[in-house]
PDB file of all heavy atoms in Angstrom:
ATOM      1  N   LEU A   1       3.897  -6.770  -9.376  1.00  0.00           N
ATOM      2  CA  LEU A   1       5.284  -7.230  -9.353  1.00  0.00           C
ATOM      3  C   LEU A   1       6.092  -6.497  -8.288  1.00  0.00           C
ATOM      4  O   LEU A   1       7.053  -7.033  -7.756  1.00  0.00           O
ATOM      5  CB  LEU A   1       5.935  -7.032 -10.724  1.00  0.00           C
ATOM      6  CG  LEU A   1       5.421  -7.928 -11.857  1.00  0.00           C
ATOM      7  CD1 LEU A   1       6.136  -7.596 -13.159  1.00  0.00           C
ATOM      8  CD2 LEU A   1       5.625  -9.401 -11.513  1.00  0.00           C
ATOM      9  N   LYS A   2       5.703  -5.255  -7.977  1.00  0.00           N
ATOM     10  CA  LYS A   2       6.472  -4.460  -7.020  1.00  0.00           C
ATOM     11  C   LYS A   2       5.568  -3.907  -5.912  1.00  0.00           C
ATOM     12  O   LYS A   2       4.423  -3.539  -6.167  1.00  0.00           O
ATOM     13  CB  LYS A   2       7.159  -3.288  -7.726  1.00  0.00           C
ATOM     14  CG  LYS A   2       8.172  -3.701  -8.781  1.00  0.00           C
ATOM     15  CD  LYS A   2       8.786  -2.471  -9.420  1.00  0.00           C
ATOM     16  CE  LYS A   2       9.817  -2.842 -10.484  1.00  0.00           C
ATOM     17  NZ  LYS A   2      10.398  -1.634 -11.122  1.00  0.00           N
ATOM     18  N   PRO A   3       6.101  -3.809  -4.690  1.00  0.00           N
ATOM     19  CA  PRO A   3       5.323  -3.209  -3.595  1.00  0.00           C
ATOM     20  C   PRO A   3       4.899  -1.776  -3.903  1.00  0.00           C
ATOM     21  O   PRO A   3       3.818  -1.352  -3.527  1.00  0.00           O
ATOM     22  CB  PRO A   3       6.302  -3.256  -2.417  1.00  0.00           C
ATOM     23  CG  PRO A   3       7.204  -4.408  -2.721  1.00  0.00           C
ATOM     24  CD  PRO A   3       7.386  -4.379  -4.208  1.00  0.00           C
ATOM     25  N   SER A   4       5.767  -1.024  -4.584  1.00  0.00           N
ATOM     26  CA  SER A   4       5.433   0.371  -4.883  1.00  0.00           C
ATOM     27  C   SER A   4       4.198   0.463  -5.769  1.00  0.00           C
ATOM     28  O   SER A   4       3.409   1.406  -5.666  1.00  0.00           O
ATOM     29  CB  SER A   4       6.618   1.065  -5.563  1.00  0.00           C
ATOM     30  OG  SER A   4       6.965   0.394  -6.763  1.00  0.00           O
ATOM     31  N   GLN A   5       4.005  -0.541  -6.637  1.00  0.00           N
ATOM     32  CA  GLN A   5       2.832  -0.539  -7.510  1.00  0.00           C
ATOM     33  C   GLN A   5       1.561  -0.833  -6.720  1.00  0.00           C
ATOM     34  O   GLN A   5       0.515  -0.214  -6.946  1.00  0.00           O
ATOM     35  CB  GLN A   5       3.024  -1.569  -8.633  1.00  0.00           C
ATOM     36  CG  GLN A   5       4.185  -1.226  -9.559  1.00  0.00           C
ATOM     37  CD  GLN A   5       4.564  -2.370 -10.492  1.00  0.00           C
ATOM     38  OE1 GLN A   5       4.239  -3.534 -10.235  1.00  0.00           O
ATOM     39  NE2 GLN A   5       5.274  -2.053 -11.566  1.00  0.00           N
ATOM     40  N   ALA A   6       1.668  -1.767  -5.777  1.00  0.00           N
ATOM     41  CA  ALA A   6       0.521  -2.078  -4.925  1.00  0.00           C
ATOM     42  C   ALA A   6       0.164  -0.865  -4.067  1.00  0.00           C
ATOM     43  O   ALA A   6      -1.019  -0.538  -3.889  1.00  0.00           O
ATOM     44  CB  ALA A   6       0.844  -3.284  -4.035  1.00  0.00           C
ATOM     45  N   ALA A   7       1.185  -0.181  -3.543  1.00  0.00           N
ATOM     46  CA  ALA A   7       0.954   1.013  -2.728  1.00  0.00           C
ATOM     47  C   ALA A   7       0.270   2.100  -3.556  1.00  0.00           C
ATOM     48  O   ALA A   7      -0.644   2.774  -3.084  1.00  0.00           O
ATOM     49  CB  ALA A   7       2.282   1.534  -2.178  1.00  0.00           C
ATOM     50  N   ARG A   8       0.696   2.251  -4.789  1.00  0.00           N
ATOM     51  CA  ARG A   8       0.091   3.265  -5.665  1.00  0.00           C
ATOM     52  C   ARG A   8      -1.375   2.930  -5.947  1.00  0.00           C
ATOM     53  O   ARG A   8      -2.232   3.813  -5.956  1.00  0.00           O
ATOM     54  CB  ARG A   8       0.876   3.361  -6.971  1.00  0.00           C
ATOM     55  CG  ARG A   8       0.340   4.442  -7.891  1.00  0.00           C
ATOM     56  CD  ARG A   8       1.045   4.460  -9.236  1.00  0.00           C
ATOM     57  NE  ARG A   8       0.403   5.406 -10.131  1.00  0.00           N
ATOM     58  CZ  ARG A   8       0.560   5.418 -11.438  1.00  0.00           C
ATOM     59  NH1 ARG A   8       1.348   4.524 -12.016  1.00  0.00           N
ATOM     60  NH2 ARG A   8      -0.064   6.316 -12.182  1.00  0.00           N
ATOM     61  N   ALA A   9      -1.660   1.651  -6.177  1.00  0.00           N
ATOM     62  CA  ALA A   9      -3.038   1.236  -6.450  1.00  0.00           C
ATOM     63  C   ALA A   9      -3.944   1.540  -5.265  1.00  0.00           C
ATOM     64  O   ALA A   9      -5.059   2.061  -5.425  1.00  0.00           O
ATOM     65  CB  ALA A   9      -3.074  -0.253  -6.782  1.00  0.00           C
ATOM     66  N   ILE A  10      -3.471   1.247  -4.056  1.00  0.00           N
ATOM     67  CA  ILE A  10      -4.256   1.508  -2.851  1.00  0.00           C
ATOM     68  C   ILE A  10      -4.502   3.005  -2.694  1.00  0.00           C
ATOM     69  O   ILE A  10      -5.595   3.443  -2.343  1.00  0.00           O
ATOM     70  CB  ILE A  10      -3.539   0.951  -1.607  1.00  0.00           C
ATOM     71  CG1 ILE A  10      -3.547  -0.585  -1.649  1.00  0.00           C
ATOM     72  CG2 ILE A  10      -4.185   1.448  -0.324  1.00  0.00           C
ATOM     73  CD1 ILE A  10      -2.717  -1.234  -0.569  1.00  0.00           C
ATOM     74  N   GLU A  11      -3.463   3.801  -2.977  1.00  0.00           N
ATOM     75  CA  GLU A  11      -3.551   5.239  -2.781  1.00  0.00           C
ATOM     76  C   GLU A  11      -4.430   5.926  -3.828  1.00  0.00           C
ATOM     77  O   GLU A  11      -5.192   6.842  -3.513  1.00  0.00           O
ATOM     78  CB  GLU A  11      -2.133   5.837  -2.837  1.00  0.00           C
ATOM     79  CG  GLU A  11      -2.069   7.329  -2.604  1.00  0.00           C
ATOM     80  CD  GLU A  11      -2.340   7.714  -1.169  1.00  0.00           C
ATOM     81  OE1 GLU A  11      -2.281   6.841  -0.292  1.00  0.00           O
ATOM     82  OE2 GLU A  11      -2.631   8.895  -0.940  1.00  0.00           O
ATOM     83  N   GLU A  12      -4.376   5.471  -5.091  1.00  0.00           N
ATOM     84  CA  GLU A  12      -4.997   6.221  -6.171  1.00  0.00           C
ATOM     85  C   GLU A  12      -6.299   5.636  -6.711  1.00  0.00           C
ATOM     86  O   GLU A  12      -7.030   6.335  -7.405  1.00  0.00           O
ATOM     87  CB  GLU A  12      -3.995   6.364  -7.333  1.00  0.00           C
ATOM     88  CG  GLU A  12      -2.747   7.147  -6.950  1.00  0.00           C
ATOM     89  CD  GLU A  12      -1.792   7.318  -8.122  1.00  0.00           C
ATOM     90  OE1 GLU A  12      -2.187   6.984  -9.267  1.00  0.00           O
ATOM     91  OE2 GLU A  12      -0.661   7.784  -7.902  1.00  0.00           O
ATOM     92  N   CYS A  13      -6.609   4.375  -6.417  1.00  0.00           N
ATOM     93  CA  CYS A  13      -7.827   3.797  -6.987  1.00  0.00           C
ATOM     94  C   CYS A  13      -9.070   4.409  -6.332  1.00  0.00           C
ATOM     95  O   CYS A  13      -8.996   4.999  -5.262  1.00  0.00           O
ATOM     96  CB  CYS A  13      -7.844   2.270  -6.837  1.00  0.00           C
ATOM     97  SG  CYS A  13      -8.193   1.680  -5.165  1.00  0.00           S
ATOM     98  N   ASP A  14     -10.208   4.259  -6.992  1.00  0.00           N
ATOM     99  CA  ASP A  14     -11.459   4.800  -6.480  1.00  0.00           C
ATOM    100  C   ASP A  14     -11.746   4.227  -5.092  1.00  0.00           C
ATOM    101  O   ASP A  14     -11.545   3.035  -4.842  1.00  0.00           O
ATOM    102  CB  ASP A  14     -12.605   4.442  -7.434  1.00  0.00           C
ATOM    103  CG  ASP A  14     -13.871   5.212  -7.104  1.00  0.00           C
ATOM    104  OD1 ASP A  14     -14.537   4.838  -6.122  1.00  0.00           O
ATOM    105  OD2 ASP A  14     -14.197   6.162  -7.827  1.00  0.00           O
ATOM    106  N   ARG A  15     -12.230   5.067  -4.180  1.00  0.00           N
ATOM    107  CA  ARG A  15     -12.450   4.620  -2.804  1.00  0.00           C
ATOM    108  C   ARG A  15     -13.525   3.543  -2.698  1.00  0.00           C
ATOM    109  O   ARG A  15     -13.597   2.825  -1.702  1.00  0.00           O
ATOM    110  CB  ARG A  15     -12.837   5.818  -1.925  1.00  0.00           C
ATOM    111  CG  ARG A  15     -11.694   6.792  -1.710  1.00  0.00           C
ATOM    112  CD  ARG A  15     -12.002   7.778  -0.609  1.00  0.00           C
ATOM    113  NE  ARG A  15     -12.090   7.134   0.688  1.00  0.00           N
ATOM    114  CZ  ARG A  15     -12.352   7.782   1.814  1.00  0.00           C
ATOM    115  NH1 ARG A  15     -12.552   9.085   1.789  1.00  0.00           N
ATOM    116  NH2 ARG A  15     -12.434   7.147   2.971  1.00  0.00           N
ATOM    117  N   SER A  16     -14.369   3.439  -3.734  1.00  0.00           N
ATOM    118  CA  SER A  16     -15.417   2.418  -3.687  1.00  0.00           C
ATOM    119  C   SER A  16     -14.831   1.009  -3.678  1.00  0.00           C
ATOM    120  O   SER A  16     -15.488   0.060  -3.247  1.00  0.00           O
ATOM    121  CB  SER A  16     -16.365   2.576  -4.886  1.00  0.00           C
ATOM    122  OG  SER A  16     -15.674   2.344  -6.100  1.00  0.00           O
ATOM    123  N   TYR A  17     -13.581   0.862  -4.150  1.00  0.00           N
ATOM    124  CA  TYR A  17     -12.942  -0.460  -4.152  1.00  0.00           C
ATOM    125  C   TYR A  17     -12.453  -0.850  -2.756  1.00  0.00           C
ATOM    126  O   TYR A  17     -12.161  -2.016  -2.504  1.00  0.00           O
ATOM    127  CB  TYR A  17     -11.762  -0.493  -5.122  1.00  0.00           C
ATOM    128  CG  TYR A  17     -12.167  -0.415  -6.574  1.00  0.00           C
ATOM    129  CD1 TYR A  17     -11.840   0.695  -7.349  1.00  0.00           C
ATOM    130  CD2 TYR A  17     -12.872  -1.452  -7.172  1.00  0.00           C
ATOM    131  CE1 TYR A  17     -12.210   0.768  -8.685  1.00  0.00           C
ATOM    132  CE2 TYR A  17     -13.245  -1.387  -8.505  1.00  0.00           C
ATOM    133  CZ  TYR A  17     -12.912  -0.271  -9.251  1.00  0.00           C
ATOM    134  OH  TYR A  17     -13.279  -0.198 -10.574  1.00  0.00           O
ATOM    135  N   ARG A  18     -12.322   0.140  -1.861  1.00  0.00           N
ATOM    136  CA  ARG A  18     -11.861  -0.108  -0.484  1.00  0.00           C
ATOM    137  C   ARG A  18     -10.607  -0.998  -0.459  1.00  0.00           C
ATOM    138  O   ARG A  18     -10.543  -2.005   0.255  1.00  0.00           O
ATOM    139  CB  ARG A  18     -12.980  -0.718   0.356  1.00  0.00           C
ATOM    140  CG  ARG A  18     -14.187   0.203   0.480  1.00  0.00           C
ATOM    141  CD  ARG A  18     -15.217  -0.310   1.451  1.00  0.00           C
ATOM    142  NE  ARG A  18     -16.346   0.609   1.548  1.00  0.00           N
ATOM    143  CZ  ARG A  18     -16.410   1.652   2.380  1.00  0.00           C
ATOM    144  NH1 ARG A  18     -15.382   1.918   3.157  1.00  0.00           N
ATOM    145  NH2 ARG A  18     -17.472   2.431   2.407  1.00  0.00           N
ATOM    146  N   ALA A  19      -9.638  -0.629  -1.278  1.00  0.00           N
ATOM    147  CA  ALA A  19      -8.425  -1.441  -1.439  1.00  0.00           C
ATOM    148  C   ALA A  19      -7.545  -1.396  -0.192  1.00  0.00           C
ATOM    149  O   ALA A  19      -7.331  -0.340   0.403  1.00  0.00           O
ATOM    150  CB  ALA A  19      -7.631  -0.945  -2.642  1.00  0.00           C
ATOM    151  N   ILE A  20      -7.052  -2.563   0.210  1.00  0.00           N
ATOM    152  CA  ILE A  20      -6.099  -2.678   1.315  1.00  0.00           C
ATOM    153  C   ILE A  20      -5.071  -3.743   0.948  1.00  0.00           C
ATOM    154  O   ILE A  20      -5.284  -4.533   0.032  1.00  0.00           O
ATOM    155  CB  ILE A  20      -6.792  -3.071   2.637  1.00  0.00           C
ATOM    156  CG1 ILE A  20      -7.479  -4.439   2.489  1.00  0.00           C
ATOM    157  CG2 ILE A  20      -7.785  -2.018   3.085  1.00  0.00           C
ATOM    158  CD1 ILE A  20      -8.023  -4.989   3.794  1.00  0.00           C
ATOM    159  N   LEU A  21      -3.956  -3.763   1.690  1.00  0.00           N
ATOM    160  CA  LEU A  21      -2.985  -4.841   1.496  1.00  0.00           C
ATOM    161  C   LEU A  21      -3.599  -6.149   1.975  1.00  0.00           C
ATOM    162  O   LEU A  21      -4.225  -6.191   3.037  1.00  0.00           O
ATOM    163  CB  LEU A  21      -1.702  -4.571   2.273  1.00  0.00           C
ATOM    164  CG  LEU A  21      -0.631  -3.715   1.596  1.00  0.00           C
ATOM    165  CD1 LEU A  21       0.525  -3.503   2.548  1.00  0.00           C
ATOM    166  CD2 LEU A  21      -0.137  -4.344   0.306  1.00  0.00           C
ATOM    167  N   ALA A  22      -3.439  -7.199   1.196  1.00  0.00           N
ATOM    168  CA  ALA A  22      -4.008  -8.492   1.571  1.00  0.00           C
ATOM    169  C   ALA A  22      -3.207  -9.113   2.708  1.00  0.00           C
ATOM    170  O   ALA A  22      -2.012  -8.878   2.847  1.00  0.00           O
ATOM    171  CB  ALA A  22      -4.009  -9.424   0.363  1.00  0.00           C
ATOM    172  N   GLU A  23      -3.896  -9.904   3.507  1.00  0.00           N
ATOM    173  CA  GLU A  23      -3.226 -10.632   4.577  1.00  0.00           C
ATOM    174  C   GLU A  23      -2.296 -11.687   3.970  1.00  0.00           C
ATOM    175  O   GLU A  23      -2.529 -12.171   2.865  1.00  0.00           O
ATOM    176  CB  GLU A  23      -4.265 -11.335   5.458  1.00  0.00           C
ATOM    177  CG  GLU A  23      -5.025 -10.393   6.378  1.00  0.00           C
ATOM    178  CD  GLU A  23      -4.167  -9.923   7.539  1.00  0.00           C
ATOM    179  OE1 GLU A  23      -3.203 -10.622   7.882  1.00  0.00           O
ATOM    180  OE2 GLU A  23      -4.464  -8.849   8.091  1.00  0.00           O
ATOM    181  N   PRO A  24      -1.236 -12.058   4.690  1.00  0.00           N
ATOM    182  CA  PRO A  24      -0.358 -13.126   4.210  1.00  0.00           C
ATOM    183  C   PRO A  24      -1.157 -14.389   3.939  1.00  0.00           C
ATOM    184  O   PRO A  24      -2.186 -14.639   4.563  1.00  0.00           O
ATOM    185  CB  PRO A  24       0.621 -13.334   5.373  1.00  0.00           C
ATOM    186  CG  PRO A  24       0.579 -12.050   6.129  1.00  0.00           C
ATOM    187  CD  PRO A  24      -0.807 -11.517   5.976  1.00  0.00           C
ATOM    188  N   LYS A  25      -0.670 -15.202   3.021  1.00  0.00           N
ATOM    189  CA  LYS A  25      -1.401 -16.410   2.640  1.00  0.00           C
ATOM    190  C   LYS A  25      -1.530 -17.412   3.774  1.00  0.00           C
ATOM    191  O   LYS A  25      -2.365 -18.304   3.722  1.00  0.00           O
ATOM    192  CB  LYS A  25      -0.710 -17.071   1.448  1.00  0.00           C
ATOM    193  CG  LYS A  25      -0.895 -16.289   0.150  1.00  0.00           C
ATOM    194  CD  LYS A  25      -0.306 -17.023  -1.029  1.00  0.00           C
ATOM    195  CE  LYS A  25      -0.554 -16.281  -2.327  1.00  0.00           C
ATOM    196  NZ  LYS A  25      -0.004 -16.997  -3.487  1.00  0.00           N
ATOM    197  N   ASN A  26      -0.705 -17.257   4.821  1.00  0.00           N
ATOM    198  CA  ASN A  26      -0.811 -18.225   5.925  1.00  0.00           C
ATOM    199  C   ASN A  26      -1.999 -17.944   6.822  1.00  0.00           C
ATOM    200  O   ASN A  26      -2.317 -18.720   7.701  1.00  0.00           O
ATOM    201  CB  ASN A  26       0.481 -18.263   6.751  1.00  0.00           C
ATOM    202  CG  ASN A  26       0.830 -16.901   7.332  1.00  0.00           C
ATOM    203  OD1 ASN A  26       0.042 -15.959   7.235  1.00  0.00           O
ATOM    204  ND2 ASN A  26       2.005 -16.792   7.912  1.00  0.00           N
ATOM    205  N   LYS A  27      -2.696 -16.820   6.597  1.00  0.00           N
ATOM    206  CA  LYS A  27      -3.946 -16.561   7.323  1.00  0.00           C
ATOM    207  C   LYS A  27      -5.086 -17.024   6.435  1.00  0.00           C
ATOM    208  O   LYS A  27      -5.104 -16.752   5.247  1.00  0.00           O
ATOM    209  CB  LYS A  27      -4.092 -15.072   7.643  1.00  0.00           C
ATOM    210  CG  LYS A  27      -5.408 -14.766   8.357  1.00  0.00           C
ATOM    211  CD  LYS A  27      -5.497 -13.316   8.797  1.00  0.00           C
ATOM    212  CE  LYS A  27      -6.804 -13.069   9.520  1.00  0.00           C
ATOM    213  NZ  LYS A  27      -6.938 -11.691  10.008  1.00  0.00           N
ATOM    214  N   SER A  28      -6.052 -17.728   7.002  1.00  0.00           N
ATOM    215  CA  SER A  28      -7.133 -18.270   6.187  1.00  0.00           C
ATOM    216  C   SER A  28      -7.886 -17.163   5.484  1.00  0.00           C
ATOM    217  O   SER A  28      -8.180 -16.125   6.058  1.00  0.00           O
ATOM    218  CB  SER A  28      -8.110 -19.075   7.064  1.00  0.00           C
ATOM    219  OG  SER A  28      -8.911 -18.219   7.835  1.00  0.00           O
ATOM    220  N   SER A  29      -8.200 -17.387   4.202  1.00  0.00           N
ATOM    221  CA  SER A  29      -8.895 -16.369   3.422  1.00  0.00           C
ATOM    222  C   SER A  29     -10.281 -16.102   3.975  1.00  0.00           C
ATOM    223  O   SER A  29     -10.777 -14.982   3.938  1.00  0.00           O
ATOM    224  CB  SER A  29      -8.990 -16.803   1.952  1.00  0.00           C
ATOM    225  OG  SER A  29      -9.707 -18.017   1.836  1.00  0.00           O
ATOM    226  N   GLU A  30     -10.930 -17.127   4.531  1.00  0.00           N
ATOM    227  CA  GLU A  30     -12.263 -16.939   5.081  1.00  0.00           C
ATOM    228  C   GLU A  30     -12.226 -15.953   6.244  1.00  0.00           C
ATOM    229  O   GLU A  30     -13.071 -15.073   6.370  1.00  0.00           O
ATOM    230  CB  GLU A  30     -12.860 -18.277   5.558  1.00  0.00           C
ATOM    231  CG  GLU A  30     -13.269 -19.218   4.444  1.00  0.00           C
ATOM    232  CD  GLU A  30     -12.096 -19.993   3.882  1.00  0.00           C
ATOM    233  OE1 GLU A  30     -10.968 -19.825   4.405  1.00  0.00           O
ATOM    234  OE2 GLU A  30     -12.299 -20.746   2.921  1.00  0.00           O
ATOM    235  N   SER A  31     -11.214 -16.097   7.108  1.00  0.00           N
ATOM    236  CA  SER A  31     -11.087 -15.205   8.248  1.00  0.00           C
ATOM    237  C   SER A  31     -10.832 -13.784   7.789  1.00  0.00           C
ATOM    238  O   SER A  31     -11.400 -12.824   8.312  1.00  0.00           O
ATOM    239  CB  SER A  31      -9.942 -15.679   9.147  1.00  0.00           C
ATOM    240  OG  SER A  31      -9.673 -14.735  10.154  1.00  0.00           O
ATOM    241  N   PHE A  32      -9.971 -13.635   6.781  1.00  0.00           N
ATOM    242  CA  PHE A  32      -9.640 -12.310   6.271  1.00  0.00           C
ATOM    243  C   PHE A  32     -10.857 -11.655   5.627  1.00  0.00           C
ATOM    244  O   PHE A  32     -11.157 -10.485   5.858  1.00  0.00           O
ATOM    245  CB  PHE A  32      -8.498 -12.422   5.262  1.00  0.00           C
ATOM    246  CG  PHE A  32      -8.075 -11.098   4.689  1.00  0.00           C
ATOM    247  CD1 PHE A  32      -7.834 -10.014   5.520  1.00  0.00           C
ATOM    248  CD2 PHE A  32      -7.910 -10.939   3.322  1.00  0.00           C
ATOM    249  CE1 PHE A  32      -7.435  -8.793   5.006  1.00  0.00           C
ATOM    250  CE2 PHE A  32      -7.514  -9.735   2.807  1.00  0.00           C
ATOM    251  CZ  PHE A  32      -7.267  -8.654   3.646  1.00  0.00           C
ATOM    252  N   GLU A  33     -11.613 -12.432   4.827  1.00  0.00           N
ATOM    253  CA  GLU A  33     -12.821 -11.888   4.191  1.00  0.00           C
ATOM    254  C   GLU A  33     -13.807 -11.427   5.255  1.00  0.00           C
ATOM    255  O   GLU A  33     -14.438 -10.379   5.136  1.00  0.00           O
ATOM    256  CB  GLU A  33     -13.486 -12.955   3.317  1.00  0.00           C
ATOM    257  CG  GLU A  33     -12.693 -13.327   2.070  1.00  0.00           C
ATOM    258  CD  GLU A  33     -13.230 -14.613   1.461  1.00  0.00           C
ATOM    259  OE1 GLU A  33     -14.453 -14.819   1.512  1.00  0.00           O
ATOM    260  OE2 GLU A  33     -12.429 -15.409   0.956  1.00  0.00           O
ATOM    261  N   HIS A  34     -13.950 -12.220   6.312  1.00  0.00           N
ATOM    262  CA  HIS A  34     -14.884 -11.888   7.393  1.00  0.00           C
ATOM    263  C   HIS A  34     -14.503 -10.564   8.045  1.00  0.00           C
ATOM    264  O   HIS A  34     -15.328  -9.676   8.235  1.00  0.00           O
ATOM    265  CB  HIS A  34     -14.879 -13.015   8.423  1.00  0.00           C
ATOM    266  CG  HIS A  34     -15.780 -12.758   9.598  1.00  0.00           C
ATOM    267  ND1 HIS A  34     -15.363 -12.014  10.682  1.00  0.00           N
ATOM    268  CD2 HIS A  34     -17.060 -13.136   9.844  1.00  0.00           C
ATOM    269  CE1 HIS A  34     -16.353 -11.947  11.555  1.00  0.00           C
ATOM    270  NE2 HIS A  34     -17.392 -12.609  11.077  1.00  0.00           N
ATOM    271  N   ASP A  35     -13.204 -10.418   8.386  1.00  0.00           N
ATOM    272  CA  ASP A  35     -12.736  -9.190   9.016  1.00  0.00           C
ATOM    273  C   ASP A  35     -12.925  -8.001   8.092  1.00  0.00           C
ATOM    274  O   ASP A  35     -13.288  -6.905   8.519  1.00  0.00           O
ATOM    275  CB  ASP A  35     -11.248  -9.313   9.394  1.00  0.00           C
ATOM    276  CG  ASP A  35     -11.027 -10.329  10.497  1.00  0.00           C
ATOM    277  OD1 ASP A  35     -12.017 -10.730  11.137  1.00  0.00           O
ATOM    278  OD2 ASP A  35      -9.869 -10.720  10.701  1.00  0.00           O
ATOM    279  N   TYR A  36     -12.648  -8.223   6.797  1.00  0.00           N
ATOM    280  CA  TYR A  36     -12.735  -7.141   5.809  1.00  0.00           C
ATOM    281  C   TYR A  36     -14.178  -6.657   5.678  1.00  0.00           C
ATOM    282  O   TYR A  36     -14.458  -5.461   5.701  1.00  0.00           O
ATOM    283  CB  TYR A  36     -12.213  -7.650   4.468  1.00  0.00           C
ATOM    284  CG  TYR A  36     -12.241  -6.621   3.360  1.00  0.00           C
ATOM    285  CD1 TYR A  36     -11.216  -5.691   3.237  1.00  0.00           C
ATOM    286  CD2 TYR A  36     -13.282  -6.584   2.444  1.00  0.00           C
ATOM    287  CE1 TYR A  36     -11.218  -4.757   2.219  1.00  0.00           C
ATOM    288  CE2 TYR A  36     -13.293  -5.649   1.423  1.00  0.00           C
ATOM    289  CZ  TYR A  36     -12.252  -4.742   1.312  1.00  0.00           C
ATOM    290  OH  TYR A  36     -12.272  -3.822   0.300  1.00  0.00           O
ATOM    291  N   TYR A  37     -15.107  -7.601   5.546  1.00  0.00           N
ATOM    292  CA  TYR A  37     -16.516  -7.238   5.438  1.00  0.00           C
ATOM    293  C   TYR A  37     -16.965  -6.469   6.678  1.00  0.00           C
ATOM    294  O   TYR A  37     -17.658  -5.465   6.600  1.00  0.00           O
ATOM    295  CB  TYR A  37     -17.389  -8.495   5.302  1.00  0.00           C
ATOM    296  CG  TYR A  37     -17.752  -8.811   3.872  1.00  0.00           C
ATOM    297  CD1 TYR A  37     -17.579 -10.099   3.373  1.00  0.00           C
ATOM    298  CD2 TYR A  37     -18.272  -7.836   3.034  1.00  0.00           C
ATOM    299  CE1 TYR A  37     -17.913 -10.404   2.064  1.00  0.00           C
ATOM    300  CE2 TYR A  37     -18.609  -8.126   1.729  1.00  0.00           C
ATOM    301  CZ  TYR A  37     -18.439  -9.411   1.241  1.00  0.00           C
ATOM    302  OH  TYR A  37     -18.771  -9.705  -0.047  1.00  0.00           O
ATOM    303  N   SER A  38     -16.562  -6.965   7.855  1.00  0.00           N
ATOM    304  CA  SER A  38     -16.980  -6.342   9.104  1.00  0.00           C
ATOM    305  C   SER A  38     -16.483  -4.905   9.199  1.00  0.00           C
ATOM    306  O   SER A  38     -17.148  -4.040   9.728  1.00  0.00           O
ATOM    307  CB  SER A  38     -16.442  -7.132  10.303  1.00  0.00           C
ATOM    308  OG  SER A  38     -16.971  -8.431  10.309  1.00  0.00           O
ATOM    309  N   SER A  39     -15.283  -4.654   8.650  1.00  0.00           N
ATOM    310  CA  SER A  39     -14.679  -3.333   8.767  1.00  0.00           C
ATOM    311  C   SER A  39     -15.130  -2.372   7.677  1.00  0.00           C
ATOM    312  O   SER A  39     -15.103  -1.166   7.871  1.00  0.00           O
ATOM    313  CB  SER A  39     -13.146  -3.450   8.706  1.00  0.00           C
ATOM    314  OG  SER A  39     -12.681  -4.246   9.754  1.00  0.00           O
ATOM    315  N   ASN A  40     -15.541  -2.888   6.512  1.00  0.00           N
ATOM    316  CA  ASN A  40     -15.768  -2.014   5.376  1.00  0.00           C
ATOM    317  C   ASN A  40     -17.207  -1.860   4.912  1.00  0.00           C
ATOM    318  O   ASN A  40     -17.522  -0.904   4.229  1.00  0.00           O
ATOM    319  CB  ASN A  40     -14.934  -2.495   4.179  1.00  0.00           C
ATOM    320  CG  ASN A  40     -13.468  -2.177   4.345  1.00  0.00           C
ATOM    321  OD1 ASN A  40     -13.068  -1.034   4.279  1.00  0.00           O
ATOM    322  ND2 ASN A  40     -12.678  -3.204   4.590  1.00  0.00           N
ATOM    323  N   MET A  41     -18.088  -2.794   5.252  1.00  0.00           N
ATOM    324  CA  MET A  41     -19.468  -2.665   4.793  1.00  0.00           C
ATOM    325  C   MET A  41     -20.162  -1.513   5.498  1.00  0.00           C
ATOM    326  O   MET A  41     -20.066  -1.369   6.704  1.00  0.00           O
ATOM    327  CB  MET A  41     -20.235  -3.970   5.061  1.00  0.00           C
ATOM    328  CG  MET A  41     -19.830  -5.108   4.152  1.00  0.00           C
ATOM    329  SD  MET A  41     -20.269  -4.809   2.437  1.00  0.00           S
ATOM    330  CE  MET A  41     -22.010  -5.242   2.509  1.00  0.00           C
ATOM    331  N   ARG A  42     -20.841  -0.671   4.753  1.00  0.00           N
ATOM    332  CA  ARG A  42     -21.566   0.440   5.350  1.00  0.00           C
ATOM    333  C   ARG A  42     -22.760  -0.102   6.126  1.00  0.00           C
ATOM    334  O   ARG A  42     -23.393  -1.060   5.712  1.00  0.00           O
ATOM    335  CB  ARG A  42     -22.052   1.406   4.263  1.00  0.00           C
ATOM    336  CG  ARG A  42     -20.931   2.064   3.504  1.00  0.00           C
ATOM    337  CD  ARG A  42     -21.469   3.232   2.696  1.00  0.00           C
ATOM    338  NE  ARG A  42     -22.510   2.824   1.767  1.00  0.00           N
ATOM    339  CZ  ARG A  42     -22.279   2.342   0.552  1.00  0.00           C
ATOM    340  NH1 ARG A  42     -21.033   2.201   0.132  1.00  0.00           N
ATOM    341  NH2 ARG A  42     -23.270   2.006  -0.253  1.00  0.00           N
TER     342      ARG A  42
END
C-alpha cells in the first residue's frame, strides 16, 4: 500500500529473493523478466 513498505521489503528480505522495484506496467513483463534473469541468475 505504501512505497516505504516496498522499500523495507527490498532492504530487509532474504537476499535469495533478489527483490527489486518492479518496472512500470507500461513496460512488457516479458522484457522485464528477461532483463531480471540476465542480471540476477548466477
